[in-house]
PDB file of N, CA and C in Angstrom:
ATOM      1  N   MET A   1     -41.888  15.571  -5.253  1.00  0.00           N
ATOM      2  CA  MET A   1     -40.583  15.753  -5.843  1.00  0.00           C
ATOM      3  C   MET A   1     -39.571  14.904  -5.051  1.00  0.00           C
ATOM      4  N   THR A   2     -38.727  14.199  -5.774  1.00  0.00           N
ATOM      5  CA  THR A   2     -37.743  13.354  -5.108  1.00  0.00           C
ATOM      6  C   THR A   2     -36.535  14.183  -4.680  1.00  0.00           C
ATOM      7  N   ILE A   3     -35.723  13.577  -3.845  1.00  0.00           N
ATOM      8  CA  ILE A   3     -34.519  14.262  -3.367  1.00  0.00           C
ATOM      9  C   ILE A   3     -33.570  14.520  -4.523  1.00  0.00           C
ATOM     10  N   TRP A   4     -33.443  13.521  -5.425  1.00  0.00           N
ATOM     11  CA  TRP A   4     -32.537  13.667  -6.573  1.00  0.00           C
ATOM     12  C   TRP A   4     -32.964  14.841  -7.458  1.00  0.00           C
ATOM     13  N   THR A   5     -34.253  14.975  -7.682  1.00  0.00           N
ATOM     14  CA  THR A   5     -34.755  16.080  -8.503  1.00  0.00           C
ATOM     15  C   THR A   5     -34.440  17.412  -7.828  1.00  0.00           C
ATOM     16  N   THR A   6     -34.617  17.464  -6.527  1.00  0.00           N
ATOM     17  CA  THR A   6     -34.322  18.684  -5.781  1.00  0.00           C
ATOM     18  C   THR A   6     -32.841  19.039  -5.883  1.00  0.00           C
ATOM     19  N   VAL A   7     -31.976  18.032  -5.729  1.00  0.00           N
ATOM     20  CA  VAL A   7     -30.530  18.268  -5.821  1.00  0.00           C
ATOM     21  C   VAL A   7     -30.178  18.766  -7.215  1.00  0.00           C
ATOM     22  N   CYS A   8     -30.760  18.172  -8.248  1.00  0.00           N
ATOM     23  CA  CYS A   8     -30.486  18.605  -9.618  1.00  0.00           C
ATOM     24  C   CYS A   8     -30.947  20.037  -9.853  1.00  0.00           C
ATOM     25  N   MET A   9     -32.104  20.391  -9.300  1.00  0.00           N
ATOM     26  CA  MET A   9     -32.604  21.767  -9.462  1.00  0.00           C
ATOM     27  C   MET A   9     -31.696  22.764  -8.748  1.00  0.00           C
ATOM     28  N   ILE A  10     -31.211  22.398  -7.554  1.00  0.00           N
ATOM     29  CA  ILE A  10     -30.303  23.289  -6.816  1.00  0.00           C
ATOM     30  C   ILE A  10     -28.992  23.442  -7.571  1.00  0.00           C
ATOM     31  N   ALA A  11     -28.450  22.321  -8.106  1.00  0.00           N
ATOM     32  CA  ALA A  11     -27.202  22.381  -8.870  1.00  0.00           C
ATOM     33  C   ALA A  11     -27.379  23.246 -10.113  1.00  0.00           C
ATOM     34  N   ALA A  12     -28.527  23.120 -10.785  1.00  0.00           N
ATOM     35  CA  ALA A  12     -28.781  23.935 -11.971  1.00  0.00           C
ATOM     36  C   ALA A  12     -28.857  25.410 -11.604  1.00  0.00           C
ATOM     37  N   ALA A  13     -29.476  25.716 -10.466  1.00  0.00           N
ATOM     38  CA  ALA A  13     -29.568  27.113 -10.025  1.00  0.00           C
ATOM     39  C   ALA A  13     -28.182  27.666  -9.703  1.00  0.00           C
ATOM     40  N   ILE A  14     -27.357  26.874  -9.062  1.00  0.00           N
ATOM     41  CA  ILE A  14     -25.990  27.318  -8.751  1.00  0.00           C
ATOM     42  C   ILE A  14     -25.202  27.506 -10.038  1.00  0.00           C
ATOM     43  N   ASN A  15     -25.377  26.602 -10.988  1.00  0.00           N
ATOM     44  CA  ASN A  15     -24.678  26.726 -12.273  1.00  0.00           C
ATOM     45  C   ASN A  15     -25.060  28.015 -12.989  1.00  0.00           C
ATOM     46  N   ARG A  16     -26.346  28.325 -12.981  1.00  0.00           N
ATOM     47  CA  ARG A  16     -26.790  29.566 -13.639  1.00  0.00           C
ATOM     48  C   ARG A  16     -26.250  30.797 -12.916  1.00  0.00           C
ATOM     49  N   ARG A  17     -26.239  30.743 -11.605  1.00  0.00           N
ATOM     50  CA  ARG A  17     -25.825  31.905 -10.819  1.00  0.00           C
ATOM     51  C   ARG A  17     -24.320  32.152 -10.910  1.00  0.00           C
ATOM     52  N   THR A  18     -23.517  31.087 -10.851  1.00  0.00           N
ATOM     53  CA  THR A  18     -22.059  31.255 -10.825  1.00  0.00           C
ATOM     54  C   THR A  18     -21.427  31.178 -12.206  1.00  0.00           C
ATOM     55  N   GLY A  19     -22.127  30.614 -13.163  1.00  0.00           N
ATOM     56  CA  GLY A  19     -21.548  30.456 -14.491  1.00  0.00           C
ATOM     57  C   GLY A  19     -20.629  29.250 -14.598  1.00  0.00           C
ATOM     58  N   ARG A  20     -20.537  28.498 -13.528  1.00  0.00           N
ATOM     59  CA  ARG A  20     -19.700  27.296 -13.526  1.00  0.00           C
ATOM     60  C   ARG A  20     -20.587  26.082 -13.663  1.00  0.00           C
ATOM     61  N   TRP A  21     -20.013  25.011 -14.192  1.00  0.00           N
ATOM     62  CA  TRP A  21     -20.771  23.779 -14.369  1.00  0.00           C
ATOM     63  C   TRP A  21     -20.367  22.785 -13.290  1.00  0.00           C
ATOM     64  N   MET A  22     -21.325  22.394 -12.470  1.00  0.00           N
ATOM     65  CA  MET A  22     -21.067  21.405 -11.427  1.00  0.00           C
ATOM     66  C   MET A  22     -21.397  20.033 -11.989  1.00  0.00           C
ATOM     67  N   SER A  23     -20.420  19.156 -12.002  1.00  0.00           N
ATOM     68  CA  SER A  23     -20.679  17.807 -12.479  1.00  0.00           C
ATOM     69  C   SER A  23     -19.735  16.833 -11.795  1.00  0.00           C
ATOM     70  N   ASP A  24     -19.906  15.579 -12.115  1.00  0.00           N
ATOM     71  CA  ASP A  24     -19.058  14.534 -11.555  1.00  0.00           C
ATOM     72  C   ASP A  24     -17.923  14.177 -12.489  1.00  0.00           C
ATOM     73  N   ARG A  25     -17.706  14.988 -13.521  1.00  0.00           N
ATOM     74  CA  ARG A  25     -16.647  14.692 -14.467  1.00  0.00           C
ATOM     75  C   ARG A  25     -15.301  14.721 -13.772  1.00  0.00           C
ATOM     76  N   GLY A  26     -14.461  13.735 -14.061  1.00  0.00           N
ATOM     77  CA  GLY A  26     -13.151  13.669 -13.438  1.00  0.00           C
ATOM     78  C   GLY A  26     -13.141  12.951 -12.110  1.00  0.00           C
ATOM     79  N   GLU A  27     -14.308  12.641 -11.593  1.00  0.00           N
ATOM     80  CA  GLU A  27     -14.390  11.978 -10.294  1.00  0.00           C
ATOM     81  C   GLU A  27     -13.810  10.572 -10.361  1.00  0.00           C
ATOM     82  N   GLY A  28     -14.022   9.885 -11.477  1.00  0.00           N
ATOM     83  CA  GLY A  28     -13.495   8.537 -11.630  1.00  0.00           C
ATOM     84  C   GLY A  28     -11.980   8.512 -11.670  1.00  0.00           C
ATOM     85  N   VAL A  29     -11.397   9.519 -12.312  1.00  0.00           N
ATOM     86  CA  VAL A  29      -9.941   9.596 -12.406  1.00  0.00           C
ATOM     87  C   VAL A  29      -9.335   9.820 -11.027  1.00  0.00           C
ATOM     88  N   ILE A  30      -9.957  10.684 -10.262  1.00  0.00           N
ATOM     89  CA  ILE A  30      -9.461  10.970  -8.908  1.00  0.00           C
ATOM     90  C   ILE A  30      -9.585   9.728  -8.030  1.00  0.00           C
ATOM     91  N   SER A  31     -10.715   9.043  -8.117  1.00  0.00           N
ATOM     92  CA  SER A  31     -10.907   7.829  -7.327  1.00  0.00           C
ATOM     93  C   SER A  31      -9.903   6.753  -7.713  1.00  0.00           C
ATOM     94  N   ALA A  32      -9.657   6.622  -9.009  1.00  0.00           N
ATOM     95  CA  ALA A  32      -8.680   5.630  -9.468  1.00  0.00           C
ATOM     96  C   ALA A  32      -7.283   5.969  -8.967  1.00  0.00           C
ATOM     97  N   ALA A  33      -6.925   7.249  -8.986  1.00  0.00           N
ATOM     98  CA  ALA A  33      -5.604   7.663  -8.502  1.00  0.00           C
ATOM     99  C   ALA A  33      -5.454   7.374  -7.011  1.00  0.00           C
ATOM    100  N   ILE A  34      -6.487   7.637  -6.256  1.00  0.00           N
ATOM    101  CA  ILE A  34      -6.442   7.354  -4.819  1.00  0.00           C
ATOM    102  C   ILE A  34      -6.304   5.856  -4.582  1.00  0.00           C
ATOM    103  N   ALA A  35      -7.051   5.062  -5.351  1.00  0.00           N
ATOM    104  CA  ALA A  35      -6.965   3.598  -5.215  1.00  0.00           C
ATOM    105  C   ALA A  35      -5.559   3.104  -5.557  1.00  0.00           C
ATOM    106  N   VAL A  36      -4.958   3.664  -6.603  1.00  0.00           N
ATOM    107  CA  VAL A  36      -3.599   3.269  -6.991  1.00  0.00           C
ATOM    108  C   VAL A  36      -2.606   3.612  -5.888  1.00  0.00           C
ATOM    109  N   LEU A  37      -2.743   4.783  -5.294  1.00  0.00           N
ATOM    110  CA  LEU A  37      -1.844   5.172  -4.201  1.00  0.00           C
ATOM    111  C   LEU A  37      -2.000   4.257  -2.993  1.00  0.00           C
ATOM    112  N   ILE A  38      -3.229   3.911  -2.655  1.00  0.00           N
ATOM    113  CA  ILE A  38      -3.459   3.025  -1.517  1.00  0.00           C
ATOM    114  C   ILE A  38      -2.819   1.660  -1.775  1.00  0.00           C
ATOM    115  N   VAL A  39      -3.031   1.127  -2.987  1.00  0.00           N
ATOM    116  CA  VAL A  39      -2.451  -0.181  -3.321  1.00  0.00           C
ATOM    117  C   VAL A  39      -0.929  -0.099  -3.322  1.00  0.00           C
ATOM    118  N   ALA A  40      -0.365   1.006  -3.796  1.00  0.00           N
ATOM    119  CA  ALA A  40       1.090   1.159  -3.803  1.00  0.00           C
ATOM    120  C   ALA A  40       1.646   1.179  -2.375  1.00  0.00           C
ATOM    121  N   PHE A  41       0.985   1.898  -1.481  1.00  0.00           N
ATOM    122  CA  PHE A  41       1.445   1.932  -0.094  1.00  0.00           C
ATOM    123  C   PHE A  41       1.313   0.556   0.562  1.00  0.00           C
ATOM    124  N   LEU A  42       0.220  -0.144   0.278  1.00  0.00           N
ATOM    125  CA  LEU A  42       0.068  -1.496   0.817  1.00  0.00           C
ATOM    126  C   LEU A  42       1.155  -2.425   0.283  1.00  0.00           C
ATOM    127  N   GLY A  43       1.452  -2.316  -1.003  1.00  0.00           N
ATOM    128  CA  GLY A  43       2.511  -3.130  -1.591  1.00  0.00           C
ATOM    129  C   GLY A  43       3.859  -2.850  -0.963  1.00  0.00           C
ATOM    130  N   ALA A  44       4.161  -1.576  -0.751  1.00  0.00           N
ATOM    131  CA  ALA A  44       5.434  -1.207  -0.123  1.00  0.00           C
ATOM    132  C   ALA A  44       5.506  -1.745   1.309  1.00  0.00           C
ATOM    133  N   ALA A  45       4.410  -1.638   2.046  1.00  0.00           N
ATOM    134  CA  ALA A  45       4.393  -2.150   3.422  1.00  0.00           C
ATOM    135  C   ALA A  45       4.554  -3.672   3.435  1.00  0.00           C
ATOM    136  N   MET A  46       3.905  -4.348   2.481  1.00  0.00           N
ATOM    137  CA  MET A  46       4.038  -5.802   2.417  1.00  0.00           C
ATOM    138  C   MET A  46       5.463  -6.198   2.064  1.00  0.00           C
ATOM    139  N   TRP A  47       6.121  -5.441   1.186  1.00  0.00           N
ATOM    140  CA  TRP A  47       7.496  -5.753   0.808  1.00  0.00           C
ATOM    141  C   TRP A  47       8.436  -5.589   2.003  1.00  0.00           C
ATOM    142  N   VAL A  48       8.254  -4.520   2.762  1.00  0.00           N
ATOM    143  CA  VAL A  48       9.088  -4.295   3.942  1.00  0.00           C
ATOM    144  C   VAL A  48       8.872  -5.428   4.946  1.00  0.00           C
ATOM    145  N   ALA A  49       7.612  -5.808   5.160  1.00  0.00           N
ATOM    146  CA  ALA A  49       7.326  -6.900   6.089  1.00  0.00           C
ATOM    147  C   ALA A  49       7.945  -8.208   5.591  1.00  0.00           C
ATOM    148  N   PHE A  50       7.843  -8.480   4.303  1.00  0.00           N
ATOM    149  CA  PHE A  50       8.414  -9.689   3.723  1.00  0.00           C
ATOM    150  C   PHE A  50       9.929  -9.713   3.904  1.00  0.00           C
ATOM    151  N   GLU A  51      10.585  -8.600   3.619  1.00  0.00           N
ATOM    152  CA  GLU A  51      12.038  -8.520   3.772  1.00  0.00           C
ATOM    153  C   GLU A  51      12.451  -8.756   5.214  1.00  0.00           C
ATOM    154  N   THR A  52      11.728  -8.188   6.163  1.00  0.00           N
ATOM    155  CA  THR A  52      12.043  -8.364   7.579  1.00  0.00           C
ATOM    156  C   THR A  52      11.886  -9.832   7.985  1.00  0.00           C
ATOM    157  N   ILE A  53      10.768 -10.429   7.577  1.00  0.00           N
ATOM    158  CA  ILE A  53      10.535 -11.835   7.911  1.00  0.00           C
ATOM    159  C   ILE A  53      11.585 -12.715   7.246  1.00  0.00           C
ATOM    160  N   TRP A  54      11.915 -12.436   5.990  1.00  0.00           N
ATOM    161  CA  TRP A  54      12.890 -13.249   5.258  1.00  0.00           C
ATOM    162  C   TRP A  54      14.271 -13.167   5.910  1.00  0.00           C
ATOM    163  N   ASP A  55      14.695 -11.962   6.280  1.00  0.00           N
ATOM    164  CA  ASP A  55      16.006 -11.798   6.924  1.00  0.00           C
ATOM    165  C   ASP A  55      16.072 -12.559   8.240  1.00  0.00           C
ATOM    166  N   SER A  56      14.999 -12.485   9.011  1.00  0.00           N
ATOM    167  CA  SER A  56      14.954 -13.189  10.290  1.00  0.00           C
ATOM    168  C   SER A  56      15.007 -14.701  10.074  1.00  0.00           C
ATOM    169  N   ALA A  57      14.214 -15.191   9.142  1.00  0.00           N
ATOM    170  CA  ALA A  57      14.202 -16.631   8.864  1.00  0.00           C
ATOM    171  C   ALA A  57      15.548 -17.095   8.315  1.00  0.00           C
ATOM    172  N   GLU A  58      16.140 -16.286   7.460  1.00  0.00           N
ATOM    173  CA  GLU A  58      17.435 -16.651   6.875  1.00  0.00           C
ATOM    174  C   GLU A  58      18.504 -16.795   7.955  1.00  0.00           C
ATOM    175  N   THR A  59      18.507 -15.871   8.880  1.00  0.00           N
ATOM    176  CA  THR A  59      19.484 -15.918   9.970  1.00  0.00           C
ATOM    177  C   THR A  59      19.278 -17.165  10.826  1.00  0.00           C
ATOM    178  N   LYS A  60      18.028 -17.462  11.167  1.00  0.00           N
ATOM    179  CA  LYS A  60      17.736 -18.637  11.992  1.00  0.00           C
ATOM    180  C   LYS A  60      18.101 -19.924  11.259  1.00  0.00           C
ATOM    181  N   ILE A  61      17.797 -20.004   9.977  1.00  0.00           N
ATOM    182  CA  ILE A  61      18.123 -21.208   9.196  1.00  0.00           C
ATOM    183  C   ILE A  61      19.630 -21.390   9.114  1.00  0.00           C
ATOM    184  N   GLU A  62      20.332 -20.321   8.852  1.00  0.00           N
ATOM    185  CA  GLU A  62      21.798 -20.396   8.747  1.00  0.00           C
ATOM    186  C   GLU A  62      22.409 -20.857  10.064  1.00  0.00           C
ATOM    187  N   THR A  63      21.894 -20.340  11.173  1.00  0.00           N
ATOM    188  CA  THR A  63      22.385 -20.740  12.490  1.00  0.00           C
ATOM    189  C   THR A  63      22.152 -22.223  12.727  1.00  0.00           C
ATOM    190  N   GLN A  64      20.976 -22.702  12.414  1.00  0.00           N
ATOM    191  CA  GLN A  64      20.643 -24.119  12.622  1.00  0.00           C
ATOM    192  C   GLN A  64      21.474 -25.018  11.723  1.00  0.00           C
ATOM    193  N   VAL A  65      21.691 -24.640  10.457  1.00  0.00           N
ATOM    194  CA  VAL A  65      22.482 -25.443   9.530  1.00  0.00           C
ATOM    195  C   VAL A  65      23.926 -25.512  10.020  1.00  0.00           C
ATOM    196  N   ASN A  66      24.464 -24.403  10.455  1.00  0.00           N
ATOM    197  CA  ASN A  66      25.839 -24.404  10.971  1.00  0.00           C
ATOM    198  C   ASN A  66      25.957 -25.246  12.235  1.00  0.00           C
ATOM    199  N   ARG A  67      24.945 -25.217  13.066  1.00  0.00           N
ATOM    200  CA  ARG A  67      24.945 -26.002  14.293  1.00  0.00           C
ATOM    201  C   ARG A  67      24.900 -27.497  13.988  1.00  0.00           C
ATOM    202  N   ILE A  68      24.085 -27.858  13.007  1.00  0.00           N
ATOM    203  CA  ILE A  68      23.983 -29.268  12.610  1.00  0.00           C
ATOM    204  C   ILE A  68      25.287 -29.722  11.966  1.00  0.00           C
ATOM    205  N   GLY A  69      25.902 -28.868  11.177  1.00  0.00           N
ATOM    206  CA  GLY A  69      27.117 -29.217  10.447  1.00  0.00           C
ATOM    207  C   GLY A  69      28.343 -29.359  11.319  1.00  0.00           C
ATOM    208  N   THR A  70      28.322 -28.863  12.529  1.00  0.00           N
ATOM    209  CA  THR A  70      29.521 -28.968  13.386  1.00  0.00           C
ATOM    210  C   THR A  70      29.449 -30.138  14.321  1.00  0.00           C
TER     211      THR A  70
END
């Protein structure tokens, strides 16, 4: 008997005993939601980093342009 068959038999026994159905239904939706949240947090972190770098570069460029212009 394979491990998968054993797991299926145990799940079936639990289902009969508890009256609940154990399955993987909805697992994809949960995984997709977690992936979306991770990507959203990464995007927000990248935006903050971009804004910080842009502000710093803008200040340095403005200083150099003003220095050259005088």
